[in-house]
Each structure stands twice: as structure tokens, then as C-alpha cells.
All heavy atoms as atom14 arrays in JSON, in Angstrom:
{
  "sequence": "EAAVAGIPLAHTRPIPGCEDCNQAFYNSHGLSVSADSERQLVEMAMD",
  "atom14_mask": [
    [1, 1, 1, 1, 1, 1, 1, 1, 1, 0, 0, 0, 0, 0],
    [1, 1, 1, 1, 1, 0, 0, 0, 0, 0, 0, 0, 0, 0],
    [1, 1, 1, 1, 1, 0, 0, 0, 0, 0, 0, 0, 0, 0],
    [1, 1, 1, 1, 1, 1, 1, 0, 0, 0, 0, 0, 0, 0],
    [1, 1, 1, 1, 1, 0, 0, 0, 0, 0, 0, 0, 0, 0],
    [1, 1, 1, 1, 0, 0, 0, 0, 0, 0, 0, 0, 0, 0],
    [1, 1, 1, 1, 1, 1, 1, 1, 0, 0, 0, 0, 0, 0],
    [1, 1, 1, 1, 1, 1, 1, 0, 0, 0, 0, 0, 0, 0],
    [1, 1, 1, 1, 1, 1, 1, 1, 0, 0, 0, 0, 0, 0],
    [1, 1, 1, 1, 1, 0, 0, 0, 0, 0, 0, 0, 0, 0],
    [1, 1, 1, 1, 1, 1, 1, 1, 1, 1, 0, 0, 0, 0],
    [1, 1, 1, 1, 1, 1, 1, 0, 0, 0, 0, 0, 0, 0],
    [1, 1, 1, 1, 1, 1, 1, 1, 1, 1, 1, 0, 0, 0],
    [1, 1, 1, 1, 1, 1, 1, 0, 0, 0, 0, 0, 0, 0],
    [1, 1, 1, 1, 1, 1, 1, 1, 0, 0, 0, 0, 0, 0],
    [1, 1, 1, 1, 1, 1, 1, 0, 0, 0, 0, 0, 0, 0],
    [1, 1, 1, 1, 0, 0, 0, 0, 0, 0, 0, 0, 0, 0],
    [1, 1, 1, 1, 1, 1, 0, 0, 0, 0, 0, 0, 0, 0],
    [1, 1, 1, 1, 1, 1, 1, 1, 1, 0, 0, 0, 0, 0],
    [1, 1, 1, 1, 1, 1, 1, 1, 0, 0, 0, 0, 0, 0],
    [1, 1, 1, 1, 1, 1, 0, 0, 0, 0, 0, 0, 0, 0],
    [1, 1, 1, 1, 1, 1, 1, 1, 0, 0, 0, 0, 0, 0],
    [1, 1, 1, 1, 1, 1, 1, 1, 1, 0, 0, 0, 0, 0],
    [1, 1, 1, 1, 1, 0, 0, 0, 0, 0, 0, 0, 0, 0],
    [1, 1, 1, 1, 1, 1, 1, 1, 1, 1, 1, 0, 0, 0],
    [1, 1, 1, 1, 1, 1, 1, 1, 1, 1, 1, 1, 0, 0],
    [1, 1, 1, 1, 1, 1, 1, 1, 0, 0, 0, 0, 0, 0],
    [1, 1, 1, 1, 1, 1, 0, 0, 0, 0, 0, 0, 0, 0],
    [1, 1, 1, 1, 1, 1, 1, 1, 1, 1, 0, 0, 0, 0],
    [1, 1, 1, 1, 0, 0, 0, 0, 0, 0, 0, 0, 0, 0],
    [1, 1, 1, 1, 1, 1, 1, 1, 0, 0, 0, 0, 0, 0],
    [1, 1, 1, 1, 1, 1, 0, 0, 0, 0, 0, 0, 0, 0],
    [1, 1, 1, 1, 1, 1, 1, 0, 0, 0, 0, 0, 0, 0],
    [1, 1, 1, 1, 1, 1, 0, 0, 0, 0, 0, 0, 0, 0],
    [1, 1, 1, 1, 1, 0, 0, 0, 0, 0, 0, 0, 0, 0],
    [1, 1, 1, 1, 1, 1, 1, 1, 0, 0, 0, 0, 0, 0],
    [1, 1, 1, 1, 1, 1, 0, 0, 0, 0, 0, 0, 0, 0],
    [1, 1, 1, 1, 1, 1, 1, 1, 1, 0, 0, 0, 0, 0],
    [1, 1, 1, 1, 1, 1, 1, 1, 1, 1, 1, 0, 0, 0],
    [1, 1, 1, 1, 1, 1, 1, 1, 1, 0, 0, 0, 0, 0],
    [1, 1, 1, 1, 1, 1, 1, 1, 0, 0, 0, 0, 0, 0],
    [1, 1, 1, 1, 1, 1, 1, 0, 0, 0, 0, 0, 0, 0],
    [1, 1, 1, 1, 1, 1, 1, 1, 1, 0, 0, 0, 0, 0],
    [1, 1, 1, 1, 1, 1, 1, 1, 0, 0, 0, 0, 0, 0],
    [1, 1, 1, 1, 1, 0, 0, 0, 0, 0, 0, 0, 0, 0],
    [1, 1, 1, 1, 1, 1, 1, 1, 0, 0, 0, 0, 0, 0],
    [1, 1, 1, 1, 1, 1, 1, 1, 0, 0, 0, 0, 0, 0]
  ],
  "atom14_positions": [
    [[35.96, -5.23, -0.05], [35.3, -3.99, 0.37], [36.17, -2.78, 0.07], [35.68, -1.75, -0.41], [34.98, -4.06, 1.86], [33.86, -5.02, 2.21], [33.65, -5.18, 3.71], [34.56, -4.8, 4.48], [32.6, -5.7, 4.11], [0.0, 0.0, 0.0], [0.0, 0.0, 0.0], [0.0, 0.0, 0.0], [0.0, 0.0, 0.0], [0.0, 0.0, 0.0]],
    [[37.48, -2.9, 0.34], [38.4, -1.78, 0.09], [38.48, -1.47, -1.4], [38.49, -0.3, -1.81], [39.78, -2.12, 0.64], [0.0, 0.0, 0.0], [0.0, 0.0, 0.0], [0.0, 0.0, 0.0], [0.0, 0.0, 0.0], [0.0, 0.0, 0.0], [0.0, 0.0, 0.0], [0.0, 0.0, 0.0], [0.0, 0.0, 0.0], [0.0, 0.0, 0.0]],
    [[38.54, -2.52, -2.22], [38.65, -2.31, -3.66], [37.37, -1.7, -4.23], [37.42, -0.82, -5.1], [38.95, -3.64, -4.36], [0.0, 0.0, 0.0], [0.0, 0.0, 0.0], [0.0, 0.0, 0.0], [0.0, 0.0, 0.0], [0.0, 0.0, 0.0], [0.0, 0.0, 0.0], [0.0, 0.0, 0.0], [0.0, 0.0, 0.0], [0.0, 0.0, 0.0]],
    [[36.22, -2.15, -3.74], [34.96, -1.57, -4.19], [34.86, -0.11, -3.76], [34.38, 0.76, -4.52], [33.77, -2.39, -3.64], [32.44, -1.69, -3.92], [33.77, -3.79, -4.26], [0.0, 0.0, 0.0], [0.0, 0.0, 0.0], [0.0, 0.0, 0.0], [0.0, 0.0, 0.0], [0.0, 0.0, 0.0], [0.0, 0.0, 0.0], [0.0, 0.0, 0.0]],
    [[35.33, 0.18, -2.54], [35.35, 1.56, -2.06], [36.36, 2.4, -2.83], [36.22, 3.63, -2.91], [35.65, 1.59, -0.57], [0.0, 0.0, 0.0], [0.0, 0.0, 0.0], [0.0, 0.0, 0.0], [0.0, 0.0, 0.0], [0.0, 0.0, 0.0], [0.0, 0.0, 0.0], [0.0, 0.0, 0.0], [0.0, 0.0, 0.0], [0.0, 0.0, 0.0]],
    [[37.39, 1.76, -3.39], [38.4, 2.48, -4.15], [39.39, 3.21, -3.26], [39.43, 4.45, -3.27], [0.0, 0.0, 0.0], [0.0, 0.0, 0.0], [0.0, 0.0, 0.0], [0.0, 0.0, 0.0], [0.0, 0.0, 0.0], [0.0, 0.0, 0.0], [0.0, 0.0, 0.0], [0.0, 0.0, 0.0], [0.0, 0.0, 0.0], [0.0, 0.0, 0.0]],
    [[40.17, 2.46, -2.48], [41.14, 3.07, -1.57], [42.49, 2.42, -1.76], [42.58, 1.18, -1.86], [40.67, 2.96, -0.1], [41.68, 3.61, 0.84], [40.42, 1.52, 0.3], [41.2, 3.73, 2.27], [0.0, 0.0, 0.0], [0.0, 0.0, 0.0], [0.0, 0.0, 0.0], [0.0, 0.0, 0.0], [0.0, 0.0, 0.0], [0.0, 0.0, 0.0]],
    [[43.58, 3.2, -1.86], [44.92, 2.61, -1.93], [45.13, 1.65, -0.77], [44.8, 1.95, 0.38], [45.84, 3.83, -1.85], [45.02, 4.94, -2.42], [43.61, 4.67, -1.96], [0.0, 0.0, 0.0], [0.0, 0.0, 0.0], [0.0, 0.0, 0.0], [0.0, 0.0, 0.0], [0.0, 0.0, 0.0], [0.0, 0.0, 0.0], [0.0, 0.0, 0.0]],
    [[45.69, 0.49, -1.07], [45.66, -0.63, -0.14], [47.06, -1.2, 0.1], [47.8, -1.49, -0.85], [44.74, -1.71, -0.72], [44.54, -3.01, 0.03], [43.97, -2.75, 1.43], [43.59, -3.92, -0.76], [0.0, 0.0, 0.0], [0.0, 0.0, 0.0], [0.0, 0.0, 0.0], [0.0, 0.0, 0.0], [0.0, 0.0, 0.0], [0.0, 0.0, 0.0]],
    [[47.41, -1.36, 1.39], [48.66, -2.01, 1.79], [48.29, -3.24, 2.61], [47.65, -3.12, 3.65], [49.52, -1.06, 2.61], [0.0, 0.0, 0.0], [0.0, 0.0, 0.0], [0.0, 0.0, 0.0], [0.0, 0.0, 0.0], [0.0, 0.0, 0.0], [0.0, 0.0, 0.0], [0.0, 0.0, 0.0], [0.0, 0.0, 0.0], [0.0, 0.0, 0.0]],
    [[48.69, -4.41, 2.14], [48.36, -5.65, 2.83], [49.4, -5.98, 3.89], [50.59, -6.06, 3.6], [48.26, -6.8, 1.83], [46.91, -6.96, 1.22], [46.72, -7.3, -0.1], [45.66, -6.81, 1.75], [45.42, -7.37, -0.35], [44.77, -7.08, 0.76], [0.0, 0.0, 0.0], [0.0, 0.0, 0.0], [0.0, 0.0, 0.0], [0.0, 0.0, 0.0]],
    [[48.93, -6.17, 5.12], [49.8, -6.61, 6.21], [49.93, -8.13, 6.14], [49.41, -8.78, 5.23], [49.24, -6.16, 7.56], [47.91, -6.67, 7.72], [49.19, -4.63, 7.64], [0.0, 0.0, 0.0], [0.0, 0.0, 0.0], [0.0, 0.0, 0.0], [0.0, 0.0, 0.0], [0.0, 0.0, 0.0], [0.0, 0.0, 0.0], [0.0, 0.0, 0.0]],
    [[50.59, -8.71, 7.12], [50.87, -10.15, 7.09], [49.59, -10.97, 6.99], [48.66, -10.77, 7.77], [51.64, -10.57, 8.34], [53.04, -9.99, 8.44], [53.65, -10.27, 9.79], [54.95, -9.62, 9.93], [56.11, -10.27, 9.88], [56.13, -11.57, 9.7], [57.24, -9.61, 10.02], [0.0, 0.0, 0.0], [0.0, 0.0, 0.0], [0.0, 0.0, 0.0]],
    [[49.55, -11.93, 6.07], [48.36, -12.77, 5.92], [48.31, -13.87, 6.98], [49.35, -14.34, 7.46], [48.53, -13.38, 4.53], [50.01, -13.44, 4.33], [50.57, -12.23, 5.05], [0.0, 0.0, 0.0], [0.0, 0.0, 0.0], [0.0, 0.0, 0.0], [0.0, 0.0, 0.0], [0.0, 0.0, 0.0], [0.0, 0.0, 0.0], [0.0, 0.0, 0.0]],
    [[47.1, -14.29, 7.36], [46.95, -15.55, 8.08], [47.33, -16.65, 7.09], [46.82, -16.69, 5.98], [45.51, -15.75, 8.56], [45.15, -14.69, 9.62], [45.32, -17.14, 9.14], [43.72, -14.76, 10.1], [0.0, 0.0, 0.0], [0.0, 0.0, 0.0], [0.0, 0.0, 0.0], [0.0, 0.0, 0.0], [0.0, 0.0, 0.0], [0.0, 0.0, 0.0]],
    [[48.26, -17.54, 7.45], [48.72, -18.56, 6.49], [47.57, -19.36, 5.91], [46.64, -19.75, 6.62], [49.64, -19.44, 7.35], [50.1, -18.55, 8.46], [48.93, -17.65, 8.76], [0.0, 0.0, 0.0], [0.0, 0.0, 0.0], [0.0, 0.0, 0.0], [0.0, 0.0, 0.0], [0.0, 0.0, 0.0], [0.0, 0.0, 0.0], [0.0, 0.0, 0.0]],
    [[47.64, -19.59, 4.61], [46.59, -20.35, 3.94], [45.96, -19.55, 2.83], [46.66, -19.01, 1.95], [0.0, 0.0, 0.0], [0.0, 0.0, 0.0], [0.0, 0.0, 0.0], [0.0, 0.0, 0.0], [0.0, 0.0, 0.0], [0.0, 0.0, 0.0], [0.0, 0.0, 0.0], [0.0, 0.0, 0.0], [0.0, 0.0, 0.0], [0.0, 0.0, 0.0]],
    [[44.65, -19.4, 2.88], [43.94, -18.74, 1.78], [44.31, -17.27, 1.67], [44.27, -16.7, 0.57], [42.44, -18.91, 1.94], [41.77, -18.35, 3.51], [0.0, 0.0, 0.0], [0.0, 0.0, 0.0], [0.0, 0.0, 0.0], [0.0, 0.0, 0.0], [0.0, 0.0, 0.0], [0.0, 0.0, 0.0], [0.0, 0.0, 0.0], [0.0, 0.0, 0.0]],
    [[44.69, -16.62, 2.78], [45.04, -15.2, 2.69], [46.34, -14.98, 1.91], [46.53, -13.92, 1.33], [45.1, -14.57, 4.07], [43.73, -14.43, 4.72], [43.72, -13.57, 5.96], [44.81, -13.1, 6.36], [42.64, -13.38, 6.54], [0.0, 0.0, 0.0], [0.0, 0.0, 0.0], [0.0, 0.0, 0.0], [0.0, 0.0, 0.0], [0.0, 0.0, 0.0]],
    [[47.22, -15.96, 1.89], [48.39, -15.88, 1.01], [47.94, -15.77, -0.45], [48.51, -15.0, -1.24], [49.28, -17.12, 1.18], [49.98, -17.17, 2.52], [50.65, -16.18, 2.88], [49.86, -18.2, 3.2], [0.0, 0.0, 0.0], [0.0, 0.0, 0.0], [0.0, 0.0, 0.0], [0.0, 0.0, 0.0], [0.0, 0.0, 0.0], [0.0, 0.0, 0.0]],
    [[46.91, -16.55, -0.8], [46.39, -16.52, -2.17], [45.71, -15.19, -2.47], [45.85, -14.65, -3.58], [45.41, -17.67, -2.37], [46.12, -19.31, -2.13], [0.0, 0.0, 0.0], [0.0, 0.0, 0.0], [0.0, 0.0, 0.0], [0.0, 0.0, 0.0], [0.0, 0.0, 0.0], [0.0, 0.0, 0.0], [0.0, 0.0, 0.0], [0.0, 0.0, 0.0]],
    [[44.98, -14.66, -1.5], [44.33, -13.37, -1.69], [45.37, -12.28, -1.96], [45.22, -11.46, -2.87], [43.54, -12.99, -0.43], [42.39, -13.93, -0.14], [41.91, -14.64, -1.03], [41.96, -13.95, 1.1], [0.0, 0.0, 0.0], [0.0, 0.0, 0.0], [0.0, 0.0, 0.0], [0.0, 0.0, 0.0], [0.0, 0.0, 0.0], [0.0, 0.0, 0.0]],
    [[46.43, -12.29, -1.15], [47.48, -11.29, -1.32], [48.15, -11.42, -2.67], [48.4, -10.42, -3.36], [48.51, -11.45, -0.2], [49.66, -10.44, -0.28], [50.57, -10.56, 0.92], [50.25, -10.1, 2.01], [51.71, -11.19, 0.73], [0.0, 0.0, 0.0], [0.0, 0.0, 0.0], [0.0, 0.0, 0.0], [0.0, 0.0, 0.0], [0.0, 0.0, 0.0]],
    [[48.42, -12.65, -3.08], [49.06, -12.88, -4.38], [48.18, -12.38, -5.52], [48.67, -11.77, -6.49], [49.37, -14.37, -4.56], [0.0, 0.0, 0.0], [0.0, 0.0, 0.0], [0.0, 0.0, 0.0], [0.0, 0.0, 0.0], [0.0, 0.0, 0.0], [0.0, 0.0, 0.0], [0.0, 0.0, 0.0], [0.0, 0.0, 0.0], [0.0, 0.0, 0.0]],
    [[46.87, -12.61, -5.43], [45.95, -12.14, -6.47], [45.98, -10.63, -6.55], [46.1, -10.04, -7.65], [44.53, -12.64, -6.18], [43.52, -12.21, -7.2], [43.26, -12.98, -8.3], [42.83, -11.0, -7.05], [42.33, -12.57, -9.26], [41.91, -10.59, -7.99], [41.65, -11.38, -9.1], [0.0, 0.0, 0.0], [0.0, 0.0, 0.0], [0.0, 0.0, 0.0]],
    [[45.87, -9.95, -5.41], [45.84, -8.49, -5.41], [47.17, -7.9, -5.88], [47.18, -6.93, -6.65], [45.47, -7.98, -4.01], [43.97, -7.8, -3.84], [43.12, -8.9, -3.89], [43.4, -6.55, -3.68], [41.74, -8.75, -3.76], [42.03, -6.38, -3.55], [41.21, -7.49, -3.6], [39.86, -7.33, -3.49], [0.0, 0.0, 0.0], [0.0, 0.0, 0.0]],
    [[48.26, -8.47, -5.45], [49.57, -7.98, -5.89], [49.75, -8.15, -7.39], [50.27, -7.27, -8.08], [50.69, -8.72, -5.16], [50.83, -8.33, -3.7], [51.59, -8.93, -2.96], [50.1, -7.31, -3.25], [0.0, 0.0, 0.0], [0.0, 0.0, 0.0], [0.0, 0.0, 0.0], [0.0, 0.0, 0.0], [0.0, 0.0, 0.0], [0.0, 0.0, 0.0]],
    [[49.3, -9.29, -7.91], [49.52, -9.59, -9.33], [48.77, -8.63, -10.24], [49.19, -8.4, -11.38], [49.11, -11.03, -9.64], [47.7, -11.2, -9.54], [0.0, 0.0, 0.0], [0.0, 0.0, 0.0], [0.0, 0.0, 0.0], [0.0, 0.0, 0.0], [0.0, 0.0, 0.0], [0.0, 0.0, 0.0], [0.0, 0.0, 0.0], [0.0, 0.0, 0.0]],
    [[47.69, -8.06, -9.75], [46.9, -7.12, -10.54], [47.18, -5.66, -10.18], [46.52, -4.76, -10.71], [45.41, -7.4, -10.36], [44.95, -8.67, -11.04], [44.72, -8.76, -12.39], [44.73, -9.92, -10.54], [44.35, -9.98, -12.7], [44.35, -10.71, -11.6], [0.0, 0.0, 0.0], [0.0, 0.0, 0.0], [0.0, 0.0, 0.0], [0.0, 0.0, 0.0]],
    [[48.13, -5.43, -9.29], [48.45, -4.06, -8.9], [47.36, -3.4, -8.07], [47.21, -2.18, -8.1], [0.0, 0.0, 0.0], [0.0, 0.0, 0.0], [0.0, 0.0, 0.0], [0.0, 0.0, 0.0], [0.0, 0.0, 0.0], [0.0, 0.0, 0.0], [0.0, 0.0, 0.0], [0.0, 0.0, 0.0], [0.0, 0.0, 0.0], [0.0, 0.0, 0.0]],
    [[46.62, -4.21, -7.3], [45.52, -3.69, -6.5], [45.95, -3.35, -5.07], [45.18, -2.76, -4.31], [44.37, -4.7, -6.43], [43.92, -5.33, -7.76], [42.75, -6.25, -7.52], [43.59, -4.27, -8.79], [0.0, 0.0, 0.0], [0.0, 0.0, 0.0], [0.0, 0.0, 0.0], [0.0, 0.0, 0.0], [0.0, 0.0, 0.0], [0.0, 0.0, 0.0]],
    [[47.16, -3.76, -4.71], [47.68, -3.51, -3.36], [49.19, -3.61, -3.39], [49.78, -4.06, -4.37], [47.11, -4.54, -2.37], [47.66, -5.83, -2.63], [0.0, 0.0, 0.0], [0.0, 0.0, 0.0], [0.0, 0.0, 0.0], [0.0, 0.0, 0.0], [0.0, 0.0, 0.0], [0.0, 0.0, 0.0], [0.0, 0.0, 0.0], [0.0, 0.0, 0.0]],
    [[49.81, -3.19, -2.29], [51.24, -3.42, -2.08], [51.39, -4.28, -0.84], [50.54, -4.28, 0.05], [52.04, -2.1, -1.91], [51.98, -1.28, -3.18], [51.53, -1.29, -0.72], [0.0, 0.0, 0.0], [0.0, 0.0, 0.0], [0.0, 0.0, 0.0], [0.0, 0.0, 0.0], [0.0, 0.0, 0.0], [0.0, 0.0, 0.0], [0.0, 0.0, 0.0]],
    [[52.47, -5.04, -0.78], [52.78, -5.84, 0.4], [54.29, -6.03, 0.47], [55.02, -5.75, -0.48], [52.08, -7.2, 0.34], [52.54, -7.96, -0.77], [0.0, 0.0, 0.0], [0.0, 0.0, 0.0], [0.0, 0.0, 0.0], [0.0, 0.0, 0.0], [0.0, 0.0, 0.0], [0.0, 0.0, 0.0], [0.0, 0.0, 0.0], [0.0, 0.0, 0.0]],
    [[54.77, -6.48, 1.64], [56.2, -6.63, 1.85], [56.44, -7.69, 2.92], [55.52, -8.13, 3.62], [56.83, -5.3, 2.27], [0.0, 0.0, 0.0], [0.0, 0.0, 0.0], [0.0, 0.0, 0.0], [0.0, 0.0, 0.0], [0.0, 0.0, 0.0], [0.0, 0.0, 0.0], [0.0, 0.0, 0.0], [0.0, 0.0, 0.0], [0.0, 0.0, 0.0]],
    [[57.71, -8.09, 3.05], [58.07, -9.15, 4.0], [58.23, -8.64, 5.43], [58.29, -9.44, 6.36], [59.36, -9.84, 3.56], [59.19, -10.61, 2.26], [58.06, -11.08, 2.0], [60.17, -10.74, 1.51], [0.0, 0.0, 0.0], [0.0, 0.0, 0.0], [0.0, 0.0, 0.0], [0.0, 0.0, 0.0], [0.0, 0.0, 0.0], [0.0, 0.0, 0.0]],
    [[58.34, -7.34, 5.61], [58.51, -6.79, 6.95], [57.65, -5.54, 7.09], [57.3, -4.89, 6.1], [59.97, -6.44, 7.22], [60.36, -5.31, 6.46], [0.0, 0.0, 0.0], [0.0, 0.0, 0.0], [0.0, 0.0, 0.0], [0.0, 0.0, 0.0], [0.0, 0.0, 0.0], [0.0, 0.0, 0.0], [0.0, 0.0, 0.0], [0.0, 0.0, 0.0]],
    [[57.33, -5.19, 8.34], [56.53, -4.0, 8.59], [57.28, -2.74, 8.13], [56.67, -1.82, 7.58], [56.17, -3.9, 10.08], [55.06, -4.81, 10.53], [55.43, -6.29, 10.49], [56.64, -6.61, 10.67], [54.53, -7.12, 10.28], [0.0, 0.0, 0.0], [0.0, 0.0, 0.0], [0.0, 0.0, 0.0], [0.0, 0.0, 0.0], [0.0, 0.0, 0.0]],
    [[58.58, -2.7, 8.36], [59.36, -1.53, 7.96], [59.31, -1.32, 6.45], [59.08, -0.21, 5.96], [60.82, -1.68, 8.43], [61.68, -0.45, 8.12], [63.07, -0.59, 8.72], [62.99, -0.68, 10.17], [62.86, 0.36, 10.97], [62.79, 1.58, 10.47], [62.81, 0.19, 12.28], [0.0, 0.0, 0.0], [0.0, 0.0, 0.0], [0.0, 0.0, 0.0]],
    [[59.51, -2.4, 5.71], [59.49, -2.3, 4.26], [58.09, -1.93, 3.77], [57.93, -1.13, 2.83], [59.93, -3.61, 3.63], [60.06, -3.56, 2.11], [60.49, -4.89, 1.52], [60.65, -5.89, 2.24], [60.67, -4.92, 0.21], [0.0, 0.0, 0.0], [0.0, 0.0, 0.0], [0.0, 0.0, 0.0], [0.0, 0.0, 0.0], [0.0, 0.0, 0.0]],
    [[57.06, -2.49, 4.41], [55.69, -2.19, 4.0], [55.36, -0.72, 4.22], [54.74, -0.08, 3.36], [54.71, -3.07, 4.78], [53.22, -2.86, 4.46], [52.93, -3.18, 3.0], [52.34, -3.71, 5.38], [0.0, 0.0, 0.0], [0.0, 0.0, 0.0], [0.0, 0.0, 0.0], [0.0, 0.0, 0.0], [0.0, 0.0, 0.0], [0.0, 0.0, 0.0]],
    [[55.76, -0.17, 5.37], [55.49, 1.24, 5.65], [56.21, 2.12, 4.63], [55.64, 3.11, 4.13], [55.91, 1.59, 7.09], [55.92, 3.11, 7.29], [54.95, 0.94, 8.08], [0.0, 0.0, 0.0], [0.0, 0.0, 0.0], [0.0, 0.0, 0.0], [0.0, 0.0, 0.0], [0.0, 0.0, 0.0], [0.0, 0.0, 0.0], [0.0, 0.0, 0.0]],
    [[57.43, 1.78, 4.29], [58.18, 2.57, 3.31], [57.48, 2.54, 1.95], [57.36, 3.57, 1.27], [59.61, 2.06, 3.2], [60.44, 2.35, 4.45], [61.82, 1.7, 4.41], [62.08, 0.94, 3.44], [62.63, 1.95, 5.32], [0.0, 0.0, 0.0], [0.0, 0.0, 0.0], [0.0, 0.0, 0.0], [0.0, 0.0, 0.0], [0.0, 0.0, 0.0]],
    [[57.02, 1.36, 1.54], [56.32, 1.24, 0.26], [55.0, 2.01, 0.28], [54.64, 2.7, -0.68], [56.04, -0.23, -0.06], [57.28, -1.05, -0.35], [56.87, -2.81, -0.61], [55.91, -2.72, -2.12], [0.0, 0.0, 0.0], [0.0, 0.0, 0.0], [0.0, 0.0, 0.0], [0.0, 0.0, 0.0], [0.0, 0.0, 0.0], [0.0, 0.0, 0.0]],
    [[54.29, 1.92, 1.39], [53.0, 2.59, 1.5], [53.15, 4.1, 1.51], [52.37, 4.82, 0.88], [52.28, 2.11, 2.76], [0.0, 0.0, 0.0], [0.0, 0.0, 0.0], [0.0, 0.0, 0.0], [0.0, 0.0, 0.0], [0.0, 0.0, 0.0], [0.0, 0.0, 0.0], [0.0, 0.0, 0.0], [0.0, 0.0, 0.0], [0.0, 0.0, 0.0]],
    [[54.16, 4.6, 2.23], [54.38, 6.04, 2.27], [54.82, 6.56, 0.9], [54.46, 7.68, 0.51], [55.43, 6.37, 3.33], [54.98, 6.12, 4.77], [53.51, 7.09, 5.26], [52.21, 5.86, 5.07], [0.0, 0.0, 0.0], [0.0, 0.0, 0.0], [0.0, 0.0, 0.0], [0.0, 0.0, 0.0], [0.0, 0.0, 0.0], [0.0, 0.0, 0.0]],
    [[55.58, 5.76, 0.18], [55.97, 6.15, -1.17], [54.74, 6.21, -2.08], [54.61, 7.13, -2.9], [56.99, 5.14, -1.73], [57.39, 5.45, -3.15], [58.03, 6.51, -3.37], [57.06, 4.66, -4.06], [0.0, 0.0, 0.0], [0.0, 0.0, 0.0], [0.0, 0.0, 0.0], [0.0, 0.0, 0.0], [0.0, 0.0, 0.0], [0.0, 0.0, 0.0]]
  ]
}
């Protein structure tokens, strides 16, 4: 929904399992940013 709407996207922690795959797909295509910690994610998103 976010990608269809066209909005910059920061992925928070995935529910283990299929959401790990979703995050990997989006990251690999440059459709979102993600990080291992909330602090790092906020810094990446603000940048």
C-alpha cells in the first residue's frame, strides 16, 4: 500500500518469518530503509 501510494518508507522490526523476506525484498530494490536498532533507523530515516 505504501509503495503504491508512493511514500518514502522506513521498515521497523519485522515479525520473524515472512516479514524478514518482505524487508529483504524491499531493501534489495531500494524501496525502503531498515536498520538493526531504532536509533540507527531514525538516523537513516531523518537523513
